[in-house]
């Protein structure tokens, strides 16, 4: 049986949304803009696979459209057991290298605490230059790191390679 994929994206500048659109082209599924299409955390229950996209802002925080949903997840504590979850998002490794894609790590911690299987989509740190990231897991990020400011020429190929990785890891 085919897995139902939900691609949930918070994007201010359009980079993370663009990645979400590419993922939808590669994997199918439903693209959910956190600003325009998201109503409540119950929407997460409709999908077997959650691809969670957010740019990183400030001190490594998720994009603003994620603030209320993440608050609701932490307070309502829904059971996300059985959900396969992977994270992707944009950051600027040079100007904001001290918090590069840290939003992904913060979101991984929240979804993981609710029972979601967050082992999917780890991405190597090779090819990036940054100081710190809450998204680090050894020599990998906990998800796909996109830097469209300094490495725009790599964005599409990284998203496509990550989609292929997810197809194999998640049996999509």
C-alpha atoms as a PDB file:
ATOM      1  CA  UNK A   1       0.000   0.000   0.000  1.00  0.00           C
ATOM      2  CA  UNK A   2       1.323   3.437  -0.907  1.00  0.00           C
ATOM      3  CA  UNK A   3       2.229   5.682   1.978  1.00  0.00           C
ATOM      4  CA  UNK A   4       0.401   8.991   2.235  1.00  0.00           C
ATOM      5  CA  UNK A   5       2.956  11.832   2.277  1.00  0.00           C
ATOM      6  CA  UNK A   6       2.407  15.275   3.773  1.00  0.00           C
ATOM      7  CA  UNK A   7       5.006  17.971   3.029  1.00  0.00           C
ATOM      8  CA  UNK A   8       4.544  20.705   5.651  1.00  0.00           C
ATOM      9  CA  UNK A   9       6.469  23.898   4.874  1.00  0.00           C
ATOM     10  CA  UNK A  10       7.059  27.172   6.683  1.00  0.00           C
ATOM     11  CA  UNK A  11       8.858  29.533   4.338  1.00  0.00           C
ATOM     12  CA  UNK A  12       9.402  33.292   4.435  1.00  0.00           C
ATOM     13  CA  UNK A  13      11.742  33.858   1.498  1.00  0.00           C
ATOM     14  CA  UNK A  14      10.479  31.012  -0.679  1.00  0.00           C
ATOM     15  CA  UNK A  15      13.576  28.789  -0.587  1.00  0.00           C
ATOM     16  CA  UNK A  16      12.105  26.128   1.690  1.00  0.00           C
ATOM     17  CA  UNK A  17       8.788  26.242  -0.201  1.00  0.00           C
ATOM     18  CA  UNK A  18      10.706  25.762  -3.455  1.00  0.00           C
ATOM     19  CA  UNK A  19      12.388  22.703  -1.951  1.00  0.00           C
ATOM     20  CA  UNK A  20       8.978  21.437  -0.832  1.00  0.00           C
ATOM     21  CA  UNK A  21       7.653  21.828  -4.373  1.00  0.00           C
ATOM     22  CA  UNK A  22      10.629  19.892  -5.756  1.00  0.00           C
ATOM     23  CA  UNK A  23      10.029  17.167  -3.178  1.00  0.00           C
ATOM     24  CA  UNK A  24       6.396  16.978  -4.212  1.00  0.00           C
ATOM     25  CA  UNK A  25       7.472  16.564  -7.860  1.00  0.00           C
ATOM     26  CA  UNK A  26       9.894  13.793  -6.874  1.00  0.00           C
ATOM     27  CA  UNK A  27       7.786  11.971  -4.265  1.00  0.00           C
ATOM     28  CA  UNK A  28       4.183  12.996  -4.779  1.00  0.00           C
ATOM     29  CA  UNK A  29       2.161  13.758  -1.692  1.00  0.00           C
ATOM     30  CA  UNK A  30       0.384  16.871  -0.532  1.00  0.00           C
ATOM     31  CA  UNK A  31       2.182  20.186  -0.074  1.00  0.00           C
ATOM     32  CA  UNK A  32       0.893  22.068   2.974  1.00  0.00           C
ATOM     33  CA  UNK A  33       1.883  25.696   3.439  1.00  0.00           C
ATOM     34  CA  UNK A  34       1.984  26.402   7.171  1.00  0.00           C
ATOM     35  CA  UNK A  35       0.762  29.923   6.410  1.00  0.00           C
ATOM     36  CA  UNK A  36      -2.061  29.181   3.976  1.00  0.00           C
ATOM     37  CA  UNK A  37      -3.143  25.541   4.328  1.00  0.00           C
ATOM     38  CA  UNK A  38      -2.464  24.480   7.921  1.00  0.00           C
ATOM     39  CA  UNK A  39      -5.414  24.420  10.321  1.00  0.00           C
ATOM     40  CA  UNK A  40      -4.469  22.255  13.299  1.00  0.00           C
ATOM     41  CA  UNK A  41      -2.026  19.618  14.483  1.00  0.00           C
ATOM     42  CA  UNK A  42      -4.686  16.987  13.715  1.00  0.00           C
ATOM     43  CA  UNK A  43      -3.615  17.370  10.062  1.00  0.00           C
ATOM     44  CA  UNK A  44      -0.439  15.444  10.890  1.00  0.00           C
ATOM     45  CA  UNK A  45      -2.592  12.397  11.645  1.00  0.00           C
ATOM     46  CA  UNK A  46      -3.767  12.217   8.008  1.00  0.00           C
ATOM     47  CA  UNK A  47      -0.326  11.138   6.743  1.00  0.00           C
ATOM     48  CA  UNK A  48       2.002   8.153   7.150  1.00  0.00           C
ATOM     49  CA  UNK A  49       5.064  10.219   6.182  1.00  0.00           C
ATOM     50  CA  UNK A  50       5.695  13.790   7.305  1.00  0.00           C
ATOM     51  CA  UNK A  51       8.318  15.890   5.542  1.00  0.00           C
ATOM     52  CA  UNK A  52       8.802  18.922   7.762  1.00  0.00           C
ATOM     53  CA  UNK A  53      10.327  22.016   6.177  1.00  0.00           C
ATOM     54  CA  UNK A  54      11.409  25.226   7.857  1.00  0.00           C
ATOM     55  CA  UNK A  55      13.943  27.940   7.369  1.00  0.00           C
ATOM     56  CA  UNK A  56      16.020  28.943  10.398  1.00  0.00           C
ATOM     57  CA  UNK A  57      15.673  32.391  11.971  1.00  0.00           C
ATOM     58  CA  UNK A  58      17.165  34.348  14.870  1.00  0.00           C
ATOM     59  CA  UNK A  59      18.844  32.115  17.417  1.00  0.00           C
ATOM     60  CA  UNK A  60      18.169  28.957  15.415  1.00  0.00           C
ATOM     61  CA  UNK A  61      14.386  29.163  15.579  1.00  0.00           C
ATOM     62  CA  UNK A  62      11.888  27.668  13.136  1.00  0.00           C
ATOM     63  CA  UNK A  63      10.146  29.944  10.659  1.00  0.00           C
ATOM     64  CA  UNK A  64       7.337  32.015  12.233  1.00  0.00           C
ATOM     65  CA  UNK A  65       4.456  29.989  10.748  1.00  0.00           C
ATOM     66  CA  UNK A  66       5.649  27.022  12.830  1.00  0.00           C
ATOM     67  CA  UNK A  67       5.460  28.843  16.201  1.00  0.00           C
ATOM     68  CA  UNK A  68       1.827  28.046  17.045  1.00  0.00           C
ATOM     69  CA  UNK A  69       1.822  24.460  15.664  1.00  0.00           C
ATOM     70  CA  UNK A  70       4.993  23.613  17.616  1.00  0.00           C
ATOM     71  CA  UNK A  71       3.495  25.150  20.774  1.00  0.00           C
ATOM     72  CA  UNK A  72       0.359  23.041  20.259  1.00  0.00           C
ATOM     73  CA  UNK A  73       2.428  19.897  19.697  1.00  0.00           C
ATOM     74  CA  UNK A  74       4.365  20.465  22.927  1.00  0.00           C
ATOM     75  CA  UNK A  75       1.248  21.188  24.966  1.00  0.00           C
ATOM     76  CA  UNK A  76      -1.256  18.725  23.492  1.00  0.00           C
ATOM     77  CA  UNK A  77       1.333  15.942  23.159  1.00  0.00           C
ATOM     78  CA  UNK A  78      -0.387  13.925  20.409  1.00  0.00           C
ATOM     79  CA  UNK A  79       0.885  10.400  19.840  1.00  0.00           C
ATOM     80  CA  UNK A  80       2.868  10.448  16.593  1.00  0.00           C
ATOM     81  CA  UNK A  81       4.033   6.838  16.919  1.00  0.00           C
ATOM     82  CA  UNK A  82       4.217   5.133  13.567  1.00  0.00           C
ATOM     83  CA  UNK A  83       4.831   8.371  11.657  1.00  0.00           C
ATOM     84  CA  UNK A  84       7.960   8.456   9.536  1.00  0.00           C
ATOM     85  CA  UNK A  85       9.364  11.989   9.689  1.00  0.00           C
ATOM     86  CA  UNK A  86      12.206  13.739   7.881  1.00  0.00           C
ATOM     87  CA  UNK A  87      13.289  17.382   8.075  1.00  0.00           C
ATOM     88  CA  UNK A  88      14.554  19.891   5.521  1.00  0.00           C
ATOM     89  CA  UNK A  89      15.154  23.594   5.510  1.00  0.00           C
ATOM     90  CA  UNK A  90      17.119  26.641   4.535  1.00  0.00           C
ATOM     91  CA  UNK A  91      19.820  28.554   6.345  1.00  0.00           C
ATOM     92  CA  UNK A  92      22.834  30.770   5.691  1.00  0.00           C
ATOM     93  CA  UNK A  93      26.024  28.964   6.716  1.00  0.00           C
ATOM     94  CA  UNK A  94      28.271  32.020   6.393  1.00  0.00           C
ATOM     95  CA  UNK A  95      26.286  34.925   7.861  1.00  0.00           C
ATOM     96  CA  UNK A  96      24.480  32.758  10.444  1.00  0.00           C
ATOM     97  CA  UNK A  97      26.966  29.912  10.802  1.00  0.00           C
ATOM     98  CA  UNK A  98      26.528  29.784  14.569  1.00  0.00           C
ATOM     99  CA  UNK A  99      22.916  28.563  14.135  1.00  0.00           C
ATOM    100  CA  UNK A 100      22.987  26.976  10.671  1.00  0.00           C
ATOM    101  CA  UNK A 101      19.727  25.045  10.105  1.00  0.00           C
ATOM    102  CA  UNK A 102      19.294  24.687  13.879  1.00  0.00           C
ATOM    103  CA  UNK A 103      15.508  24.858  13.430  1.00  0.00           C
ATOM    104  CA  UNK A 104      15.668  21.318  12.060  1.00  0.00           C
ATOM    105  CA  UNK A 105      17.224  20.060  15.283  1.00  0.00           C
ATOM    106  CA  UNK A 106      14.638  21.837  17.425  1.00  0.00           C
ATOM    107  CA  UNK A 107      11.816  20.369  15.380  1.00  0.00           C
ATOM    108  CA  UNK A 108      13.390  16.893  15.421  1.00  0.00           C
ATOM    109  CA  UNK A 109      13.428  17.029  19.221  1.00  0.00           C
ATOM    110  CA  UNK A 110       9.738  17.967  19.400  1.00  0.00           C
ATOM    111  CA  UNK A 111       8.512  15.382  16.892  1.00  0.00           C
ATOM    112  CA  UNK A 112      10.786  12.704  18.340  1.00  0.00           C
ATOM    113  CA  UNK A 113       9.482  13.333  21.877  1.00  0.00           C
ATOM    114  CA  UNK A 114       5.974  12.633  20.565  1.00  0.00           C
ATOM    115  CA  UNK A 115       6.952   9.172  19.322  1.00  0.00           C
ATOM    116  CA  UNK A 116       7.587   9.956  15.649  1.00  0.00           C
ATOM    117  CA  UNK A 117      10.347   7.980  13.957  1.00  0.00           C
ATOM    118  CA  UNK A 118      12.832  10.759  13.137  1.00  0.00           C
ATOM    119  CA  UNK A 119      15.733   8.590  11.952  1.00  0.00           C
ATOM    120  CA  UNK A 120      15.148   9.325   8.253  1.00  0.00           C
ATOM    121  CA  UNK A 121      16.802  11.778   5.892  1.00  0.00           C
ATOM    122  CA  UNK A 122      20.085  12.422   7.655  1.00  0.00           C
ATOM    123  CA  UNK A 123      22.357  14.486   5.400  1.00  0.00           C
ATOM    124  CA  UNK A 124      26.186  14.690   5.452  1.00  0.00           C
ATOM    125  CA  UNK A 125      27.890  17.886   6.642  1.00  0.00           C
ATOM    126  CA  UNK A 126      30.503  17.513   3.875  1.00  0.00           C
ATOM    127  CA  UNK A 127      30.507  20.565   1.638  1.00  0.00           C
ATOM    128  CA  UNK A 128      29.210  22.992   4.271  1.00  0.00           C
ATOM    129  CA  UNK A 129      31.177  25.534   6.333  1.00  0.00           C
ATOM    130  CA  UNK A 130      29.463  26.608   9.554  1.00  0.00           C
ATOM    131  CA  UNK A 131      30.297  27.023  13.244  1.00  0.00           C
ATOM    132  CA  UNK A 132      27.448  25.321  15.106  1.00  0.00           C
ATOM    133  CA  UNK A 133      24.093  23.676  14.490  1.00  0.00           C
ATOM    134  CA  UNK A 134      21.487  22.062  16.718  1.00  0.00           C
ATOM    135  CA  UNK A 135      20.715  19.882  13.700  1.00  0.00           C
ATOM    136  CA  UNK A 136      24.004  17.977  13.996  1.00  0.00           C
ATOM    137  CA  UNK A 137      24.035  14.250  14.652  1.00  0.00           C
ATOM    138  CA  UNK A 138      27.656  13.204  14.466  1.00  0.00           C
ATOM    139  CA  UNK A 139      28.881  13.876  10.911  1.00  0.00           C
ATOM    140  CA  UNK A 140      25.356  14.437   9.604  1.00  0.00           C
ATOM    141  CA  UNK A 141      22.539  16.937   9.874  1.00  0.00           C
ATOM    142  CA  UNK A 142      19.253  15.468  11.085  1.00  0.00           C
ATOM    143  CA  UNK A 143      17.793  16.444   7.699  1.00  0.00           C
ATOM    144  CA  UNK A 144      18.513  18.186   4.419  1.00  0.00           C
ATOM    145  CA  UNK A 145      20.378  21.487   4.835  1.00  0.00           C
ATOM    146  CA  UNK A 146      19.819  24.020   2.071  1.00  0.00           C
ATOM    147  CA  UNK A 147      21.860  27.203   1.657  1.00  0.00           C
ATOM    148  CA  UNK A 148      20.412  29.048  -1.298  1.00  0.00           C
ATOM    149  CA  UNK A 149      22.380  32.176  -0.418  1.00  0.00           C
ATOM    150  CA  UNK A 150      25.882  30.711  -0.658  1.00  0.00           C
ATOM    151  CA  UNK A 151      25.290  27.480  -2.597  1.00  0.00           C
ATOM    152  CA  UNK A 152      22.214  28.079  -4.764  1.00  0.00           C
ATOM    153  CA  UNK A 153      23.722  26.017  -7.574  1.00  0.00           C
ATOM    154  CA  UNK A 154      23.531  22.923  -5.336  1.00  0.00           C
ATOM    155  CA  UNK A 155      19.942  23.273  -4.090  1.00  0.00           C
ATOM    156  CA  UNK A 156      18.070  21.364  -6.812  1.00  0.00           C
ATOM    157  CA  UNK A 157      20.573  18.500  -6.954  1.00  0.00           C
ATOM    158  CA  UNK A 158      20.610  18.217  -3.150  1.00  0.00           C
ATOM    159  CA  UNK A 159      16.804  18.084  -3.003  1.00  0.00           C
ATOM    160  CA  UNK A 160      16.667  15.460  -5.755  1.00  0.00           C
ATOM    161  CA  UNK A 161      19.366  13.336  -4.093  1.00  0.00           C
ATOM    162  CA  UNK A 162      17.560  13.627  -0.755  1.00  0.00           C
ATOM    163  CA  UNK A 163      14.276  12.553  -2.358  1.00  0.00           C
ATOM    164  CA  UNK A 164      16.011   9.439  -3.727  1.00  0.00           C
ATOM    165  CA  UNK A 165      17.494   8.782  -0.284  1.00  0.00           C
ATOM    166  CA  UNK A 166      14.028   9.027   1.303  1.00  0.00           C
ATOM    167  CA  UNK A 167      12.545   6.671  -1.306  1.00  0.00           C
ATOM    168  CA  UNK A 168      15.086   4.041  -0.227  1.00  0.00           C
ATOM    169  CA  UNK A 169      14.995   4.684   3.517  1.00  0.00           C
ATOM    170  CA  UNK A 170      11.222   5.001   3.823  1.00  0.00           C
ATOM    171  CA  UNK A 171      10.362   2.468   1.104  1.00  0.00           C
ATOM    172  CA  UNK A 172       8.318   5.068  -0.807  1.00  0.00           C
END
